Amino acid sequence: MTIFTIILWIGLLAWGVWELVQYFRRKNAAEVVTKEVFKENMRRAQIVDVRGKDEFDAGHILGARNVPYMQMKQRANELRKDQPIYLYDEKKMMSARAAIMLKKQGYSNLYILKGGYADWDGKIKRKKA
């Protein structure tokens, strides 16, 4: 085995461990819910779209507020800790990262829309051009 092969295997192993750790962090931060559960509970929760403003304006779940993932640290105080928070983005990767960040800041009752906005079939709102 060459040095390059050994380094490659070590890198792949490190990447695998990193992905495993991230999987459990995401799993412990929030519960992933189906769109049916999301629709059923959204009236009693804060709906947060973590996509960018342009994507939000192009179309978002009715009743959602836009707190882009890139601004989540600075704007987390806009969210109430005493109410459930339902997060979504285009698929669910940014939502998971946002959930981890919110969990670190003391938020609980965090939920992520399975499939994200891409799979949403409920009411939406678009910004008028």
Protein backbone atom coordinates (compact mmCIF):
# COMPACT_ATOMS: atom_id res chain seq x y z
CA MET A 1 0.00 0.00 0.00
CA THR A 2 1.31 3.42 -0.91
CA ILE A 3 1.32 6.49 1.32
CA PHE A 4 -1.36 8.03 -0.90
CA THR A 5 -3.67 5.05 -0.39
CA ILE A 6 -3.18 5.14 3.38
CA ILE A 7 -3.91 8.87 3.49
CA LEU A 8 -6.98 8.33 1.30
CA TRP A 9 -8.31 5.62 3.63
CA ILE A 10 -7.69 7.78 6.71
CA GLY A 11 -9.51 10.66 5.01
CA LEU A 12 -12.47 8.46 4.10
CA LEU A 13 -12.65 7.08 7.62
CA ALA A 14 -12.53 10.58 9.13
CA TRP A 15 -15.27 11.74 6.75
CA GLY A 16 -17.43 8.74 7.70
CA VAL A 17 -17.03 9.43 11.41
CA TRP A 18 -17.85 13.12 10.83
CA GLU A 19 -21.05 12.22 8.93
CA LEU A 20 -22.10 9.80 11.67
CA VAL A 21 -21.61 12.43 14.38
CA GLN A 22 -23.58 14.99 12.32
CA TYR A 23 -26.40 12.48 11.78
CA PHE A 24 -26.85 11.99 15.53
CA ARG A 25 -26.58 15.74 16.21
CA ARG A 26 -29.37 16.40 13.71
CA LYS A 27 -31.46 13.54 15.07
CA ASN A 28 -31.15 14.83 18.65
CA ALA A 29 -31.82 18.46 17.75
CA ALA A 30 -35.22 18.09 16.08
CA GLU A 31 -37.90 15.64 15.08
CA VAL A 32 -38.55 15.21 11.37
CA VAL A 33 -42.30 15.27 10.69
CA THR A 34 -44.41 14.48 7.65
CA LYS A 35 -46.34 17.20 5.83
CA GLU A 36 -49.57 15.82 7.35
CA VAL A 37 -48.26 16.28 10.91
CA PHE A 38 -46.82 19.65 9.91
CA LYS A 39 -50.22 20.83 8.57
CA GLU A 40 -52.04 19.50 11.62
CA ASN A 41 -49.85 21.36 14.14
CA MET A 42 -48.73 24.48 12.27
CA ARG A 43 -51.48 26.73 13.66
CA ARG A 44 -50.11 26.28 17.18
CA ALA A 45 -46.47 26.79 16.22
CA GLN A 46 -43.95 29.19 14.75
CA ILE A 47 -43.29 28.33 11.11
CA VAL A 48 -39.79 29.34 10.03
CA ASP A 49 -38.46 29.26 6.48
CA VAL A 50 -34.66 29.15 6.67
CA ARG A 51 -34.08 29.73 2.94
CA GLY A 52 -32.79 33.02 1.58
CA LYS A 53 -35.08 36.03 1.08
CA ASP A 54 -35.31 35.61 -2.71
CA GLU A 55 -36.40 31.98 -2.38
CA PHE A 56 -38.88 32.95 0.35
CA ASP A 57 -40.37 35.71 -1.82
CA ALA A 58 -40.69 33.31 -4.76
CA GLY A 59 -42.99 31.14 -2.66
CA HIS A 60 -43.37 30.01 0.95
CA ILE A 61 -45.74 28.15 3.23
CA LEU A 62 -48.64 30.38 4.23
CA GLY A 63 -47.99 31.80 7.70
CA ALA A 64 -44.23 31.26 7.65
CA ARG A 65 -41.69 33.87 8.58
CA ASN A 66 -38.30 34.13 6.93
CA VAL A 67 -35.23 33.75 9.12
CA PRO A 68 -32.48 32.71 6.69
CA TYR A 69 -30.04 30.12 8.00
CA MET A 70 -27.15 32.54 7.45
CA GLN A 71 -28.80 35.01 9.86
CA MET A 72 -30.12 32.46 12.38
CA LYS A 73 -27.50 33.13 15.07
CA GLN A 74 -28.20 36.87 15.06
CA ARG A 75 -31.99 36.58 14.73
CA ALA A 76 -32.80 33.57 16.92
CA ASN A 77 -34.03 35.92 19.65
CA GLU A 78 -37.01 36.74 17.36
CA LEU A 79 -38.32 33.25 18.08
CA ARG A 80 -40.21 32.31 21.22
CA LYS A 81 -38.83 29.50 23.35
CA ASP A 82 -42.25 28.63 24.80
CA GLN A 83 -43.82 27.60 21.46
CA PRO A 84 -42.95 24.80 19.05
CA ILE A 85 -40.82 25.80 16.07
CA TYR A 86 -41.44 24.16 12.70
CA LEU A 87 -38.49 24.62 10.34
CA TYR A 88 -38.23 24.04 6.63
CA ASP A 89 -36.02 24.82 3.64
CA GLU A 90 -35.94 23.44 0.11
CA LYS A 91 -35.16 19.86 1.19
CA LYS A 92 -34.12 19.67 4.89
CA MET A 93 -30.35 20.05 5.25
CA MET A 94 -30.33 23.74 6.26
CA SER A 95 -33.28 23.12 8.57
CA ALA A 96 -31.27 20.47 10.40
CA ARG A 97 -28.33 22.84 10.80
CA ALA A 98 -30.68 25.58 12.03
CA ALA A 99 -32.20 23.13 14.53
CA ILE A 100 -28.75 22.27 15.90
CA MET A 101 -27.99 25.96 16.28
CA LEU A 102 -31.31 26.68 18.01
CA LYS A 103 -30.92 23.66 20.31
CA LYS A 104 -27.53 25.05 21.43
CA GLN A 105 -29.25 28.35 22.27
CA GLY A 106 -31.78 26.63 24.55
CA TYR A 107 -34.72 26.10 22.21
CA SER A 108 -36.72 22.88 22.38
CA ASN A 109 -39.78 21.52 20.58
CA LEU A 110 -38.05 21.78 17.20
CA TYR A 111 -39.52 20.06 14.16
CA ILE A 112 -38.35 19.76 10.55
CA LEU A 113 -40.61 19.28 7.54
CA LYS A 114 -39.72 15.98 5.86
CA GLY A 115 -38.96 16.66 2.20
CA GLY A 116 -38.94 20.42 2.78
CA TYR A 117 -40.72 23.00 0.67
CA ALA A 118 -40.05 20.91 -2.45
CA ASP A 119 -42.59 18.30 -1.26
CA TRP A 120 -45.11 20.75 0.26
CA ASP A 121 -48.60 20.55 -1.20
CA GLY A 122 -50.44 22.85 1.20
CA LYS A 123 -51.25 26.54 0.92
CA ILE A 124 -48.46 28.83 -0.21
CA LYS A 125 -47.96 32.54 -0.67
CA ARG A 126 -45.88 34.35 -3.26
CA LYS A 127 -44.71 37.94 -3.15
CA LYS A 128 -46.38 40.00 -5.84
CA ALA A 129 -43.94 41.29 -8.45
